[in-house]
Every structure is written in structure tokens, then in C-alpha cells.
Amino acid sequence: MRIILAQPRGFCAGVERAIEIVERALQRYGPPVYVRHEIVHNRHVVRDLEAKGAVFVDEVDAVPAGSVTVFSAHGVARSVEDAARARALDVIDATCPLVSKVHVEGRRYAAEGRTVILIGHDGHAEIAGTMGQIPGPVKLISTAEDVAALTVDDPDRLAYITQTTLSVDDTKAVIAALRARFPAIVGPETKDICYATQNRQRAVRDLARVADVILVVGSRNSSNSNRLREIGEELGVPSHLIDDASAVDPAWLVGKRAIGITAGASAPDSLVDALVEMLRRDGDVEISTLEAIEESVHFRLPARLAG
């Protein structure tokens, strides 16, 4: 049996930064450190941080006044910032810099008097934060079909932005539909799309060429992890999203000679390592890693935690 590892896979720079922010805050200020929502969408990461003294809350109203509080990598709405300020919380913002960049773009378009079209998934934490950061009309769409149903006041004063966990491939049909219906619409360049999302999706496409089955390590509520599984299926390879090695159904592997493994951007390497070790117990295996892009992106920590 062959085990083929996708490259890149697992943690992106934004996730690494967010987790390190919580860990350093715990070291510097001591527990408890409160975190609004899951710092990233992975229950293993959340449980590990809880064991170190992090306390996860749904809203800042549940945080004792004046406490050290971290905003998750997905970003928050202005109303959450205001609520934290009203409680005199000592806030450390772990919003991914690429998400913050989308917020800046959205506010700039709104300041120009444009209606902002946000391409993303309703209910995702990032979407709630982004919509709450833009002081003007925002319309959320997910598919090219949604474009036909859009109603706007001025078709010549429109702009679009996208959820960072969508890739260029995910958004190109929607953007094409927007431009076809609203020729004057403006939007960011494709280079502003999250590098990690694009790279991981390209890697799973490469994996699908050589694997008989694909296992995607990631949580059910992780948008990018779900998309990796969907891509494998779209390319005709049975693909399964698993939280960890214990979720593998042996029936998935019957008759399969090449098992492809990847991981969502919020899944730690330790989960992939444990999966590989479990598969190795079944007999002799050959392990290889696909040649691909080596990521070297690193985001700075907040100044108060650096050094």
C-alpha cells in the first residue's frame, strides 16, 4: 500500500499566528485567557488550548469585565469590538491579516459609495465578521445563480469582495457572472485571494491524479476542509473528511492501493502523523510526499506578544 501526502497541507500562516497568540497570551498573562468563538475551526486545537487555560465563549458578554480576550482568526464585527470596549476587555486581535485586508477593501468600497457584494457562505464566522465591518449595504451571494436574483440601487456603483477560504477556482464563475451582469463592478485582484486556500486546493487536485481514495483531515465546520473533500469527489476519487484517525472506516480502504492524505488549513500536523501511523500498522507501506509549492509566509504577532 502507498500513502501519498499532499503538499502543502495543514496549518496556514494565519492559523499558526492565531494559535501562537493564544499560547503567548497564556504565558504572559496567565490563565484564564478568554477567546471569542473557536480560535480556528478544529476541535483538537480548541481542546489543547482549553487544557492550557483558554476559555472559549460565544460572545464577549460572557467575559468578566477587564479580562484578557482574544478575537479569533475569522475576525469580528464592529459591534463585537464595541461590546468588548464597553466591558473594558483587554483585547488581543488574532484576526488573520488576509481577512483584515478584506475588511479594509470592503470599507474602502463602501466609502466610495458602492454597494458591496460579498461572495461567501452564509453562517460562516468570517462572513459575520466581514459584513459587520462594512458601514454600508452588503449583499451576500454564494453561487453564479445568485447573481441573477440580485437587486441593486445603482448597477454602476458596485464592488465585490470574497471570503478568504474560497479560492480563485471557487469564485471565478461567480465573478464572471457579476461582471457579465454589471460591467462597471470593481473588485480586488486575484492575487489578493488567500494563498493557502488556493495552494491546498491545487495540491488535492494533484493528489487526485495518483490516489485511489483521499482522506482529508479537518473539522466538519471547517469551510476549507469541506471544500478539499468536495474537490476530490468532483475529480472522481472517493474522498472522506475525518476529524482524526479514529474516524476512518476500514471499508473505505478495501482494495485501495494508493491512499492520498491532506489536511485543512486549521488541522495540526500531529493528526496527519497519527493517521499515517495507524495505516502503517496494517502492513508494509510506502510513504511519499508530492512535490509542490513550499510555503514561506509568516505573519507578525501583535507587538505586545512579540519577542
C-alpha atoms as a PDB file:
ATOM      1  CA  MET A   1       0.000   0.000   0.000  1.00  0.00           C
ATOM      2  CA  ARG A   2       1.149   3.523  -0.790  1.00  0.00           C
ATOM      3  CA  ILE A   3       0.454   6.594   1.328  1.00  0.00           C
ATOM      4  CA  ILE A   4       0.774   9.827  -0.610  1.00  0.00           C
ATOM      5  CA  LEU A   5       0.845  13.098   1.321  1.00  0.00           C
ATOM      6  CA  ALA A   6      -0.332  16.315  -0.284  1.00  0.00           C
ATOM      7  CA  GLN A   7       1.928  19.347  -0.130  1.00  0.00           C
ATOM      8  CA  PRO A   8       1.113  21.888   1.172  1.00  0.00           C
ATOM      9  CA  ARG A   9      -1.385  20.711   3.769  1.00  0.00           C
ATOM     10  CA  GLY A  10      -2.422  21.622   7.281  1.00  0.00           C
ATOM     11  CA  PHE A  11      -1.784  24.861   9.132  1.00  0.00           C
ATOM     12  CA  CYS A  12      -1.559  28.090   7.166  1.00  0.00           C
ATOM     13  CA  ALA A  13       0.255  31.196   8.429  1.00  0.00           C
ATOM     14  CA  GLY A  14      -2.952  32.807   9.707  1.00  0.00           C
ATOM     15  CA  VAL A  15      -3.841  29.752  11.787  1.00  0.00           C
ATOM     16  CA  GLU A  16      -0.306  29.415  13.156  1.00  0.00           C
ATOM     17  CA  ARG A  17      -0.377  33.080  14.169  1.00  0.00           C
ATOM     18  CA  ALA A  18      -3.773  32.817  15.869  1.00  0.00           C
ATOM     19  CA  ILE A  19      -2.806  29.755  17.922  1.00  0.00           C
ATOM     20  CA  GLU A  20       0.523  31.310  18.898  1.00  0.00           C
ATOM     21  CA  ILE A  21      -1.291  34.461  20.031  1.00  0.00           C
ATOM     22  CA  VAL A  22      -3.413  32.455  22.474  1.00  0.00           C
ATOM     23  CA  GLU A  23      -0.436  30.441  23.723  1.00  0.00           C
ATOM     24  CA  ARG A  24       1.714  33.534  24.260  1.00  0.00           C
ATOM     25  CA  ALA A  25      -1.138  35.370  25.957  1.00  0.00           C
ATOM     26  CA  LEU A  26      -1.488  32.462  28.376  1.00  0.00           C
ATOM     27  CA  GLN A  27       2.248  32.518  29.086  1.00  0.00           C
ATOM     28  CA  ARG A  28       2.400  36.287  29.549  1.00  0.00           C
ATOM     29  CA  TYR A  29      -0.812  36.964  31.444  1.00  0.00           C
ATOM     30  CA  GLY A  30      -1.636  33.556  32.883  1.00  0.00           C
ATOM     31  CA  PRO A  31      -4.941  31.722  32.631  1.00  0.00           C
ATOM     32  CA  PRO A  32      -7.708  32.257  32.074  1.00  0.00           C
ATOM     33  CA  VAL A  33      -7.459  33.936  28.691  1.00  0.00           C
ATOM     34  CA  TYR A  34     -10.863  34.239  27.052  1.00  0.00           C
ATOM     35  CA  VAL A  35     -11.341  33.554  23.340  1.00  0.00           C
ATOM     36  CA  ARG A  36     -14.439  34.618  21.452  1.00  0.00           C
ATOM     37  CA  HIS A  37     -15.556  31.657  19.333  1.00  0.00           C
ATOM     38  CA  GLU A  38     -13.193  28.867  18.304  1.00  0.00           C
ATOM     39  CA  ILE A  39      -9.789  30.384  17.616  1.00  0.00           C
ATOM     40  CA  VAL A  40      -9.748  28.222  14.453  1.00  0.00           C
ATOM     41  CA  HIS A  41     -12.197  25.573  13.262  1.00  0.00           C
ATOM     42  CA  ASN A  42     -10.610  22.477  14.770  1.00  0.00           C
ATOM     43  CA  ARG A  43     -11.810  20.799  17.956  1.00  0.00           C
ATOM     44  CA  HIS A  44      -8.401  19.252  18.689  1.00  0.00           C
ATOM     45  CA  VAL A  45      -6.756  22.672  18.661  1.00  0.00           C
ATOM     46  CA  VAL A  46      -9.533  24.069  20.861  1.00  0.00           C
ATOM     47  CA  ARG A  47      -9.244  21.227  23.382  1.00  0.00           C
ATOM     48  CA  ASP A  48      -5.462  21.615  23.568  1.00  0.00           C
ATOM     49  CA  LEU A  49      -5.768  25.329  24.298  1.00  0.00           C
ATOM     50  CA  GLU A  50      -8.523  24.698  26.849  1.00  0.00           C
ATOM     51  CA  ALA A  51      -6.159  22.353  28.681  1.00  0.00           C
ATOM     52  CA  LYS A  52      -3.652  25.215  28.892  1.00  0.00           C
ATOM     53  CA  GLY A  53      -6.202  27.622  30.347  1.00  0.00           C
ATOM     54  CA  ALA A  54      -8.045  29.197  27.414  1.00  0.00           C
ATOM     55  CA  VAL A  55     -11.777  29.707  27.909  1.00  0.00           C
ATOM     56  CA  PHE A  56     -13.895  29.817  24.769  1.00  0.00           C
ATOM     57  CA  VAL A  57     -17.082  31.891  24.812  1.00  0.00           C
ATOM     58  CA  ASP A  58     -19.801  32.557  22.277  1.00  0.00           C
ATOM     59  CA  GLU A  59     -19.991  36.287  22.964  1.00  0.00           C
ATOM     60  CA  VAL A  60     -17.958  38.859  24.881  1.00  0.00           C
ATOM     61  CA  ASP A  61     -20.876  39.376  27.264  1.00  0.00           C
ATOM     62  CA  ALA A  62     -19.765  36.135  28.922  1.00  0.00           C
ATOM     63  CA  VAL A  63     -16.271  37.510  29.654  1.00  0.00           C
ATOM     64  CA  PRO A  64     -15.603  39.083  33.061  1.00  0.00           C
ATOM     65  CA  ALA A  65     -15.008  42.822  32.750  1.00  0.00           C
ATOM     66  CA  GLY A  66     -11.375  43.764  32.172  1.00  0.00           C
ATOM     67  CA  SER A  67     -10.226  40.263  31.204  1.00  0.00           C
ATOM     68  CA  VAL A  68      -7.666  39.410  28.527  1.00  0.00           C
ATOM     69  CA  THR A  69      -9.712  38.432  25.474  1.00  0.00           C
ATOM     70  CA  VAL A  70      -8.644  37.142  22.056  1.00  0.00           C
ATOM     71  CA  PHE A  71     -10.675  37.594  18.888  1.00  0.00           C
ATOM     72  CA  SER A  72     -10.499  34.525  16.640  1.00  0.00           C
ATOM     73  CA  ALA A  73      -8.731  34.259  13.279  1.00  0.00           C
ATOM     74  CA  HIS A  74     -12.054  34.698  11.463  1.00  0.00           C
ATOM     75  CA  GLY A  75     -12.449  38.331  12.512  1.00  0.00           C
ATOM     76  CA  VAL A  76     -15.333  40.079  14.266  1.00  0.00           C
ATOM     77  CA  ALA A  77     -17.948  42.719  13.515  1.00  0.00           C
ATOM     78  CA  ARG A  78     -17.624  46.321  14.711  1.00  0.00           C
ATOM     79  CA  SER A  79     -20.488  45.618  17.144  1.00  0.00           C
ATOM     80  CA  VAL A  80     -18.338  42.962  18.869  1.00  0.00           C
ATOM     81  CA  GLU A  81     -15.448  45.417  19.140  1.00  0.00           C
ATOM     82  CA  ASP A  82     -17.825  47.966  20.669  1.00  0.00           C
ATOM     83  CA  ALA A  83     -19.192  45.416  23.161  1.00  0.00           C
ATOM     84  CA  ALA A  84     -15.653  44.477  24.216  1.00  0.00           C
ATOM     85  CA  ARG A  85     -14.766  48.136  24.677  1.00  0.00           C
ATOM     86  CA  ALA A  86     -17.861  48.690  26.817  1.00  0.00           C
ATOM     87  CA  ARG A  87     -16.700  45.886  29.136  1.00  0.00           C
ATOM     88  CA  ALA A  88     -13.155  47.277  29.245  1.00  0.00           C
ATOM     89  CA  LEU A  89     -11.793  43.993  27.923  1.00  0.00           C
ATOM     90  CA  ASP A  90      -8.074  43.770  27.216  1.00  0.00           C
ATOM     91  CA  VAL A  91      -8.398  42.655  23.590  1.00  0.00           C
ATOM     92  CA  ILE A  92      -5.759  40.917  21.515  1.00  0.00           C
ATOM     93  CA  ASP A  93      -6.879  40.618  17.893  1.00  0.00           C
ATOM     94  CA  ALA A  94      -5.902  37.321  16.212  1.00  0.00           C
ATOM     95  CA  THR A  95      -7.801  38.076  13.001  1.00  0.00           C
ATOM     96  CA  CYS A  96      -5.885  36.647  10.035  1.00  0.00           C
ATOM     97  CA  PRO A  97      -4.154  39.530   8.225  1.00  0.00           C
ATOM     98  CA  LEU A  98      -5.704  38.356   4.943  1.00  0.00           C
ATOM     99  CA  VAL A  99      -9.168  38.622   6.495  1.00  0.00           C
ATOM    100  CA  SER A 100      -8.292  42.082   7.804  1.00  0.00           C
ATOM    101  CA  LYS A 101      -7.273  43.022   4.273  1.00  0.00           C
ATOM    102  CA  VAL A 102     -10.744  42.051   3.022  1.00  0.00           C
ATOM    103  CA  HIS A 103     -12.268  44.242   5.742  1.00  0.00           C
ATOM    104  CA  VAL A 104     -10.148  47.182   4.604  1.00  0.00           C
ATOM    105  CA  GLU A 105     -11.160  46.650   0.973  1.00  0.00           C
ATOM    106  CA  GLY A 106     -14.835  46.438   1.897  1.00  0.00           C
ATOM    107  CA  ARG A 107     -14.699  49.657   3.920  1.00  0.00           C
ATOM    108  CA  ARG A 108     -12.881  51.416   1.087  1.00  0.00           C
ATOM    109  CA  TYR A 109     -15.536  50.415  -1.429  1.00  0.00           C
ATOM    110  CA  ALA A 110     -18.296  51.498   0.966  1.00  0.00           C
ATOM    111  CA  ALA A 111     -16.571  54.867   1.443  1.00  0.00           C
ATOM    112  CA  GLU A 112     -16.709  55.306  -2.339  1.00  0.00           C
ATOM    113  CA  GLY A 113     -20.483  54.962  -2.147  1.00  0.00           C
ATOM    114  CA  ARG A 114     -20.567  51.461  -3.622  1.00  0.00           C
ATOM    115  CA  THR A 115     -22.823  48.591  -2.641  1.00  0.00           C
ATOM    116  CA  VAL A 116     -20.564  45.682  -1.668  1.00  0.00           C
ATOM    117  CA  ILE A 117     -21.275  42.177  -2.973  1.00  0.00           C
ATOM    118  CA  LEU A 118     -19.709  39.613  -0.632  1.00  0.00           C
ATOM    119  CA  ILE A 119     -19.034  36.171  -2.096  1.00  0.00           C
ATOM    120  CA  GLY A 120     -19.104  33.569   0.675  1.00  0.00           C
ATOM    121  CA  HIS A 121     -21.021  31.062   2.763  1.00  0.00           C
ATOM    122  CA  ASP A 122     -23.893  32.262   4.917  1.00  0.00           C
ATOM    123  CA  GLY A 123     -23.361  31.367   8.573  1.00  0.00           C
ATOM    124  CA  HIS A 124     -19.567  31.199   8.428  1.00  0.00           C
ATOM    125  CA  ALA A 125     -17.836  33.120  11.226  1.00  0.00           C
ATOM    126  CA  GLU A 126     -15.711  35.066   8.752  1.00  0.00           C
ATOM    127  CA  ILE A 127     -18.787  36.236   6.848  1.00  0.00           C
ATOM    128  CA  ALA A 128     -20.460  37.523  10.010  1.00  0.00           C
ATOM    129  CA  GLY A 129     -17.333  39.473  10.873  1.00  0.00           C
ATOM    130  CA  THR A 130     -16.826  40.908   7.397  1.00  0.00           C
ATOM    131  CA  MET A 131     -20.437  42.011   6.980  1.00  0.00           C
ATOM    132  CA  GLY A 132     -20.222  43.691  10.366  1.00  0.00           C
ATOM    133  CA  GLN A 133     -17.072  45.582   9.419  1.00  0.00           C
ATOM    134  CA  ILE A 134     -18.531  47.386   6.404  1.00  0.00           C
ATOM    135  CA  PRO A 135     -20.538  50.562   7.141  1.00  0.00           C
ATOM    136  CA  GLY A 136     -22.875  50.349   4.186  1.00  0.00           C
ATOM    137  CA  PRO A 137     -25.055  47.980   2.164  1.00  0.00           C
ATOM    138  CA  VAL A 138     -23.627  44.458   1.766  1.00  0.00           C
ATOM    139  CA  LYS A 139     -25.261  41.680  -0.242  1.00  0.00           C
ATOM    140  CA  LEU A 140     -24.140  38.090   0.332  1.00  0.00           C
ATOM    141  CA  ILE A 141     -24.082  35.593  -2.532  1.00  0.00           C
ATOM    142  CA  SER A 142     -22.601  32.117  -2.880  1.00  0.00           C
ATOM    143  CA  THR A 143     -23.116  30.961  -6.476  1.00  0.00           C
ATOM    144  CA  ALA A 144     -23.275  32.259 -10.007  1.00  0.00           C
ATOM    145  CA  GLU A 145     -27.005  31.542  -9.916  1.00  0.00           C
ATOM    146  CA  ASP A 146     -27.392  34.004  -7.033  1.00  0.00           C
ATOM    147  CA  VAL A 147     -26.203  36.832  -9.278  1.00  0.00           C
ATOM    148  CA  ALA A 148     -29.383  36.745 -11.391  1.00  0.00           C
ATOM    149  CA  ALA A 149     -31.511  37.330  -8.283  1.00  0.00           C
ATOM    150  CA  LEU A 150     -29.551  40.367  -7.071  1.00  0.00           C
ATOM    151  CA  THR A 151     -31.401  43.658  -6.758  1.00  0.00           C
ATOM    152  CA  VAL A 152     -29.239  46.781  -6.540  1.00  0.00           C
ATOM    153  CA  ASP A 153     -29.984  50.503  -6.477  1.00  0.00           C
ATOM    154  CA  ASP A 154     -27.179  51.561  -8.814  1.00  0.00           C
ATOM    155  CA  PRO A 155     -25.542  48.942 -11.065  1.00  0.00           C
ATOM    156  CA  ASP A 156     -22.724  51.379 -11.813  1.00  0.00           C
ATOM    157  CA  ARG A 157     -21.691  51.667  -8.131  1.00  0.00           C
ATOM    158  CA  LEU A 158     -20.905  48.075  -7.164  1.00  0.00           C
ATOM    159  CA  ALA A 159     -17.871  46.236  -5.801  1.00  0.00           C
ATOM    160  CA  TYR A 160     -17.232  42.628  -4.787  1.00  0.00           C
ATOM    161  CA  ILE A 161     -15.058  41.022  -2.129  1.00  0.00           C
ATOM    162  CA  THR A 162     -14.670  37.343  -1.209  1.00  0.00           C
ATOM    163  CA  GLN A 163     -14.415  35.086   1.813  1.00  0.00           C
ATOM    164  CA  THR A 164     -10.750  34.126   2.225  1.00  0.00           C
ATOM    165  CA  THR A 165     -11.439  30.384   2.474  1.00  0.00           C
ATOM    166  CA  LEU A 166     -12.634  30.406  -1.131  1.00  0.00           C
ATOM    167  CA  SER A 167     -10.039  30.006  -3.868  1.00  0.00           C
ATOM    168  CA  VAL A 168      -9.688  31.635  -7.254  1.00  0.00           C
ATOM    169  CA  ASP A 169     -11.244  28.494  -8.737  1.00  0.00           C
ATOM    170  CA  ASP A 170     -14.176  28.669  -6.311  1.00  0.00           C
ATOM    171  CA  THR A 171     -15.006  32.274  -7.125  1.00  0.00           C
ATOM    172  CA  LYS A 172     -14.211  32.655 -10.827  1.00  0.00           C
ATOM    173  CA  ALA A 173     -17.678  31.603 -12.068  1.00  0.00           C
ATOM    174  CA  VAL A 174     -19.402  33.942  -9.598  1.00  0.00           C
ATOM    175  CA  ILE A 175     -17.121  36.852 -10.517  1.00  0.00           C
ATOM    176  CA  ALA A 176     -17.644  36.166 -14.229  1.00  0.00           C
ATOM    177  CA  ALA A 177     -21.424  36.253 -13.698  1.00  0.00           C
ATOM    178  CA  LEU A 178     -21.148  39.523 -11.760  1.00  0.00           C
ATOM    179  CA  ARG A 179     -19.050  41.149 -14.476  1.00  0.00           C
ATOM    180  CA  ALA A 180     -21.386  39.919 -17.203  1.00  0.00           C
ATOM    181  CA  ARG A 181     -24.436  41.423 -15.491  1.00  0.00           C
ATOM    182  CA  PHE A 182     -22.741  44.500 -14.002  1.00  0.00           C
ATOM    183  CA  PRO A 183     -19.904  45.569 -16.335  1.00  0.00           C
ATOM    184  CA  ALA A 184     -18.931  48.506 -14.116  1.00  0.00           C
ATOM    185  CA  ILE A 185     -18.360  46.383 -10.999  1.00  0.00           C
ATOM    186  CA  VAL A 186     -14.921  46.569  -9.377  1.00  0.00           C
ATOM    187  CA  GLY A 187     -13.087  44.137  -7.117  1.00  0.00           C
ATOM    188  CA  PRO A 188      -9.677  43.098  -5.804  1.00  0.00           C
ATOM    189  CA  GLU A 189      -7.088  41.407  -7.956  1.00  0.00           C
ATOM    190  CA  THR A 190      -6.937  37.615  -7.808  1.00  0.00           C
ATOM    191  CA  LYS A 191      -3.535  37.873  -6.097  1.00  0.00           C
ATOM    192  CA  ASP A 192      -5.428  39.090  -3.037  1.00  0.00           C
ATOM    193  CA  ILE A 193      -7.154  35.695  -2.688  1.00  0.00           C
ATOM    194  CA  CYS A 194      -5.834  33.647   0.238  1.00  0.00           C
ATOM    195  CA  TYR A 195      -2.663  31.900  -0.927  1.00  0.00           C
ATOM    196  CA  ALA A 196      -3.199  28.962   1.456  1.00  0.00           C
ATOM    197  CA  THR A 197      -6.672  28.114   0.186  1.00  0.00           C
ATOM    198  CA  GLN A 198      -5.515  28.132  -3.422  1.00  0.00           C
ATOM    199  CA  ASN A 199      -2.374  26.108  -2.705  1.00  0.00           C
ATOM    200  CA  ARG A 200      -4.209  23.401  -0.738  1.00  0.00           C
ATOM    201  CA  GLN A 201      -6.858  23.022  -3.407  1.00  0.00           C
ATOM    202  CA  ARG A 202      -4.229  22.749  -6.134  1.00  0.00           C
ATOM    203  CA  ALA A 203      -2.440  20.105  -4.046  1.00  0.00           C
ATOM    204  CA  VAL A 204      -5.581  17.980  -3.648  1.00  0.00           C
ATOM    205  CA  ARG A 205      -6.136  18.147  -7.417  1.00  0.00           C
ATOM    206  CA  ASP A 206      -2.616  16.771  -7.872  1.00  0.00           C
ATOM    207  CA  LEU A 207      -3.329  14.118  -5.250  1.00  0.00           C
ATOM    208  CA  ALA A 208      -6.479  13.013  -7.075  1.00  0.00           C
ATOM    209  CA  ARG A 209      -4.361  12.057 -10.112  1.00  0.00           C
ATOM    210  CA  VAL A 210      -2.456   9.392  -8.184  1.00  0.00           C
ATOM    211  CA  ALA A 211      -4.692   8.311  -5.278  1.00  0.00           C
ATOM    212  CA  ASP A 212      -7.445   5.661  -5.177  1.00  0.00           C
ATOM    213  CA  VAL A 213      -9.023   7.277  -2.118  1.00  0.00           C
ATOM    214  CA  ILE A 214      -8.440  10.606  -0.347  1.00  0.00           C
ATOM    215  CA  LEU A 215      -8.630  11.249   3.393  1.00  0.00           C
ATOM    216  CA  VAL A 216      -8.986  14.905   4.387  1.00  0.00           C
ATOM    217  CA  VAL A 217      -8.121  15.655   7.999  1.00  0.00           C
ATOM    218  CA  GLY A 218     -10.246  18.527   9.261  1.00  0.00           C
ATOM    219  CA  SER A 219     -13.342  19.512  11.196  1.00  0.00           C
ATOM    220  CA  ARG A 220     -16.887  19.420   9.859  1.00  0.00           C
ATOM    221  CA  ASN A 221     -17.290  23.153  10.452  1.00  0.00           C
ATOM    222  CA  SER A 222     -14.137  23.990   8.514  1.00  0.00           C
ATOM    223  CA  SER A 223     -15.094  25.528   5.170  1.00  0.00           C
ATOM    224  CA  ASN A 224     -11.734  24.910   3.514  1.00  0.00           C
ATOM    225  CA  SER A 225     -11.573  21.292   4.732  1.00  0.00           C
ATOM    226  CA  ASN A 226     -15.018  20.536   3.330  1.00  0.00           C
ATOM    227  CA  ARG A 227     -14.006  22.049   0.011  1.00  0.00           C
ATOM    228  CA  LEU A 228     -10.924  19.803  -0.212  1.00  0.00           C
ATOM    229  CA  ARG A 229     -13.135  16.742   0.154  1.00  0.00           C
ATOM    230  CA  GLU A 230     -15.562  18.090  -2.453  1.00  0.00           C
ATOM    231  CA  ILE A 231     -12.756  18.623  -4.966  1.00  0.00           C
ATOM    232  CA  GLY A 232     -11.569  15.048  -4.578  1.00  0.00           C
ATOM    233  CA  GLU A 233     -15.105  13.786  -5.188  1.00  0.00           C
ATOM    234  CA  GLU A 234     -15.548  16.093  -8.182  1.00  0.00           C
ATOM    235  CA  LEU A 235     -12.433  14.548  -9.720  1.00  0.00           C
ATOM    236  CA  GLY A 236     -13.850  11.046  -9.304  1.00  0.00           C
ATOM    237  CA  VAL A 237     -11.857   9.907  -6.283  1.00  0.00           C
ATOM    238  CA  PRO A 238     -13.748   8.682  -3.186  1.00  0.00           C
ATOM    239  CA  SER A 239     -12.931  11.305  -0.550  1.00  0.00           C
ATOM    240  CA  HIS A 240     -13.706  11.453   3.161  1.00  0.00           C
ATOM    241  CA  LEU A 241     -13.463  14.257   5.740  1.00  0.00           C
ATOM    242  CA  ILE A 242     -12.299  12.961   9.119  1.00  0.00           C
ATOM    243  CA  ASP A 243     -11.613  14.640  12.463  1.00  0.00           C
ATOM    244  CA  ASP A 244      -8.790  12.228  13.188  1.00  0.00           C
ATOM    245  CA  ALA A 245      -7.570   8.669  12.617  1.00  0.00           C
ATOM    246  CA  SER A 246     -10.325   7.176  14.769  1.00  0.00           C
ATOM    247  CA  ALA A 247     -12.931   8.277  12.210  1.00  0.00           C
ATOM    248  CA  VAL A 248     -11.534   6.141   9.379  1.00  0.00           C
ATOM    249  CA  ASP A 249     -13.893   3.405   8.189  1.00  0.00           C
ATOM    250  CA  PRO A 250     -11.787   0.386   7.136  1.00  0.00           C
ATOM    251  CA  ALA A 251     -14.306  -0.282   4.347  1.00  0.00           C
ATOM    252  CA  TRP A 252     -13.108   2.887   2.606  1.00  0.00           C
ATOM    253  CA  LEU A 253      -9.670   1.331   2.116  1.00  0.00           C
ATOM    254  CA  VAL A 254     -10.636  -2.132   0.870  1.00  0.00           C
ATOM    255  CA  GLY A 255      -8.981  -2.745  -2.478  1.00  0.00           C
ATOM    256  CA  LYS A 256      -7.240   0.635  -2.467  1.00  0.00           C
ATOM    257  CA  ARG A 257      -3.538   0.631  -3.250  1.00  0.00           C
ATOM    258  CA  ALA A 258      -2.809   4.370  -3.037  1.00  0.00           C
ATOM    259  CA  ILE A 259      -4.208   6.402  -0.150  1.00  0.00           C
ATOM    260  CA  GLY A 260      -3.957  10.160  -0.504  1.00  0.00           C
ATOM    261  CA  ILE A 261      -3.868  12.291   2.645  1.00  0.00           C
ATOM    262  CA  THR A 262      -4.293  16.025   3.029  1.00  0.00           C
ATOM    263  CA  ALA A 263      -5.432  18.358   5.790  1.00  0.00           C
ATOM    264  CA  GLY A 264      -7.399  21.572   6.050  1.00  0.00           C
ATOM    265  CA  ALA A 265      -5.700  24.834   6.986  1.00  0.00           C
ATOM    266  CA  SER A 266      -6.754  24.514  10.642  1.00  0.00           C
ATOM    267  CA  ALA A 267      -5.707  20.864  11.155  1.00  0.00           C
ATOM    268  CA  PRO A 268      -2.415  20.243  13.017  1.00  0.00           C
ATOM    269  CA  ASP A 269       0.322  18.010  11.604  1.00  0.00           C
ATOM    270  CA  SER A 270       0.032  15.751  14.646  1.00  0.00           C
ATOM    271  CA  LEU A 271      -3.337  14.499  13.368  1.00  0.00           C
ATOM    272  CA  VAL A 272      -1.834  13.601   9.998  1.00  0.00           C
ATOM    273  CA  ASP A 273       1.098  11.874  11.720  1.00  0.00           C
ATOM    274  CA  ALA A 274      -1.297   9.812  13.847  1.00  0.00           C
ATOM    275  CA  LEU A 275      -3.291   8.830  10.765  1.00  0.00           C
ATOM    276  CA  VAL A 276      -0.157   7.682   8.956  1.00  0.00           C
ATOM    277  CA  GLU A 277       0.946   5.658  11.992  1.00  0.00           C
ATOM    278  CA  MET A 278      -2.452   3.947  12.159  1.00  0.00           C
ATOM    279  CA  LEU A 279      -2.287   2.985   8.491  1.00  0.00           C
ATOM    280  CA  ARG A 280       1.236   1.658   8.889  1.00  0.00           C
ATOM    281  CA  ARG A 281       0.014  -0.837  11.461  1.00  0.00           C
ATOM    282  CA  ASP A 282      -1.884  -2.633   8.711  1.00  0.00           C
ATOM    283  CA  GLY A 283       1.306  -3.769   6.997  1.00  0.00           C
ATOM    284  CA  ASP A 284       4.145  -2.574   4.807  1.00  0.00           C
ATOM    285  CA  VAL A 285       3.529   0.839   3.324  1.00  0.00           C
ATOM    286  CA  GLU A 286       5.456   3.187   1.101  1.00  0.00           C
ATOM    287  CA  ILE A 287       5.148   6.832   2.136  1.00  0.00           C
ATOM    288  CA  SER A 288       5.795   9.710  -0.229  1.00  0.00           C
ATOM    289  CA  THR A 289       5.041  13.424  -0.440  1.00  0.00           C
ATOM    290  CA  LEU A 290       4.011  15.159  -3.627  1.00  0.00           C
ATOM    291  CA  GLU A 291       6.346  17.815  -4.917  1.00  0.00           C
ATOM    292  CA  ALA A 292       4.660  21.193  -4.784  1.00  0.00           C
ATOM    293  CA  ILE A 293       4.855  24.769  -3.599  1.00  0.00           C
ATOM    294  CA  GLU A 294       6.820  25.339  -0.394  1.00  0.00           C
ATOM    295  CA  GLU A 295       5.036  27.985   1.634  1.00  0.00           C
ATOM    296  CA  SER A 296       7.230  30.545   3.393  1.00  0.00           C
ATOM    297  CA  VAL A 297       4.582  33.052   4.508  1.00  0.00           C
ATOM    298  CA  HIS A 298       4.725  34.214   8.127  1.00  0.00           C
ATOM    299  CA  PHE A 299       2.599  36.892   9.770  1.00  0.00           C
ATOM    300  CA  ARG A 300       3.840  39.118  12.561  1.00  0.00           C
ATOM    301  CA  LEU A 301       2.458  38.741  16.046  1.00  0.00           C
ATOM    302  CA  PRO A 302       0.900  41.756  17.797  1.00  0.00           C
ATOM    303  CA  ALA A 303       3.703  43.932  19.192  1.00  0.00           C
ATOM    304  CA  ARG A 304       2.723  43.227  22.814  1.00  0.00           C
ATOM    305  CA  LEU A 305       3.325  39.490  22.319  1.00  0.00           C
ATOM    306  CA  ALA A 306       6.392  39.645  20.063  1.00  0.00           C
ATOM    307  CA  GLY A 307       9.827  38.804  21.313  1.00  0.00           C
END
